[in-house]
C-alpha cells in the first residue's frame, strides 16, 4: 500500500528499510524521504514502525526529524 504520496513510498519499501537496520521513523525518513513532504503520512509511519519493530516511537521524535 502507498504510505507516502508525496514521495511515492509504499509499505514494502518501509519494510525493506527497517529490515536493513533503520532506526524507526527517523531512519525511514532518512532513507526514503517519506514523511518529509506534507507530513500527512507521519501517523502511518509511526504505526508501521511500531508494529514492524515492536518499538513504540515517541510522536515528538518523528516531528523533530522533519524540522531538521
Protein backbone atom coordinates (compact mmCIF):
# COMPACT_ATOMS: atom_id res chain seq x y z
CA UNK A 1 0.00 0.00 0.00
CA UNK A 2 1.16 3.52 -0.69
CA UNK A 3 2.10 5.25 2.56
CA UNK A 4 3.73 8.49 1.42
CA UNK A 5 2.02 10.07 -1.57
CA UNK A 6 4.50 12.97 -1.80
CA UNK A 7 7.49 10.68 -2.34
CA UNK A 8 5.69 7.54 -3.58
CA UNK A 9 6.91 5.27 -0.76
CA UNK A 10 5.00 2.09 -0.08
CA UNK A 11 4.91 -0.22 2.93
CA UNK A 12 7.13 -2.80 1.21
CA UNK A 13 9.90 -0.20 0.87
CA UNK A 14 9.48 0.77 4.51
CA UNK A 15 9.77 -2.91 5.49
CA UNK A 16 13.00 -3.17 3.46
CA UNK A 17 14.49 -0.12 5.16
CA UNK A 18 13.56 -1.37 8.63
CA UNK A 19 14.93 -4.85 7.87
CA UNK A 20 18.18 -3.22 6.78
CA UNK A 21 18.52 -1.65 10.23
CA UNK A 22 16.78 1.72 10.05
CA UNK A 23 16.16 3.19 13.50
CA UNK A 24 12.39 3.58 13.30
CA UNK A 25 10.72 6.67 11.87
CA UNK A 26 13.95 8.67 11.79
CA UNK A 27 15.70 6.02 9.72
CA UNK A 28 12.76 5.59 7.37
CA UNK A 29 12.60 9.34 6.72
CA UNK A 30 16.33 9.49 6.05
CA UNK A 31 16.32 6.50 3.72
CA UNK A 32 13.12 7.18 1.77
CA UNK A 33 12.13 10.82 2.37
CA UNK A 34 8.69 9.50 3.38
CA UNK A 35 7.16 11.98 5.80
CA UNK A 36 9.31 14.89 4.68
CA UNK A 37 6.76 16.38 2.28
CA UNK A 38 3.37 17.38 3.64
CA UNK A 39 3.76 15.22 6.77
CA UNK A 40 0.36 13.60 6.37
CA UNK A 41 1.85 10.11 6.46
CA UNK A 42 3.72 10.56 9.75
CA UNK A 43 0.98 8.85 11.80
CA UNK A 44 1.06 5.87 9.42
CA UNK A 45 4.88 5.79 9.55
CA UNK A 46 4.76 5.74 13.35
CA UNK A 47 2.27 2.90 13.34
CA UNK A 48 4.18 0.85 10.76
CA UNK A 49 7.50 1.31 12.54
CA UNK A 50 5.97 0.35 15.88
CA UNK A 51 4.25 -2.77 14.55
CA UNK A 52 7.17 -3.89 12.38
CA UNK A 53 9.88 -3.35 15.01
CA UNK A 54 7.89 -3.85 18.20
CA UNK A 55 9.14 -0.48 19.46
CA UNK A 56 6.93 2.47 20.25
CA UNK A 57 8.03 5.74 18.67
CA UNK A 58 7.61 8.97 20.56
CA UNK A 59 5.38 11.30 18.47
CA UNK A 60 7.63 14.30 19.10
CA UNK A 61 10.64 12.37 17.84
CA UNK A 62 9.16 11.94 14.37
CA UNK A 63 8.16 15.60 14.18
CA UNK A 64 11.69 16.66 15.14
CA UNK A 65 13.07 14.69 12.20
CA UNK A 66 11.00 16.81 9.84
CA UNK A 67 12.18 20.05 11.46
CA UNK A 68 15.76 19.19 10.70
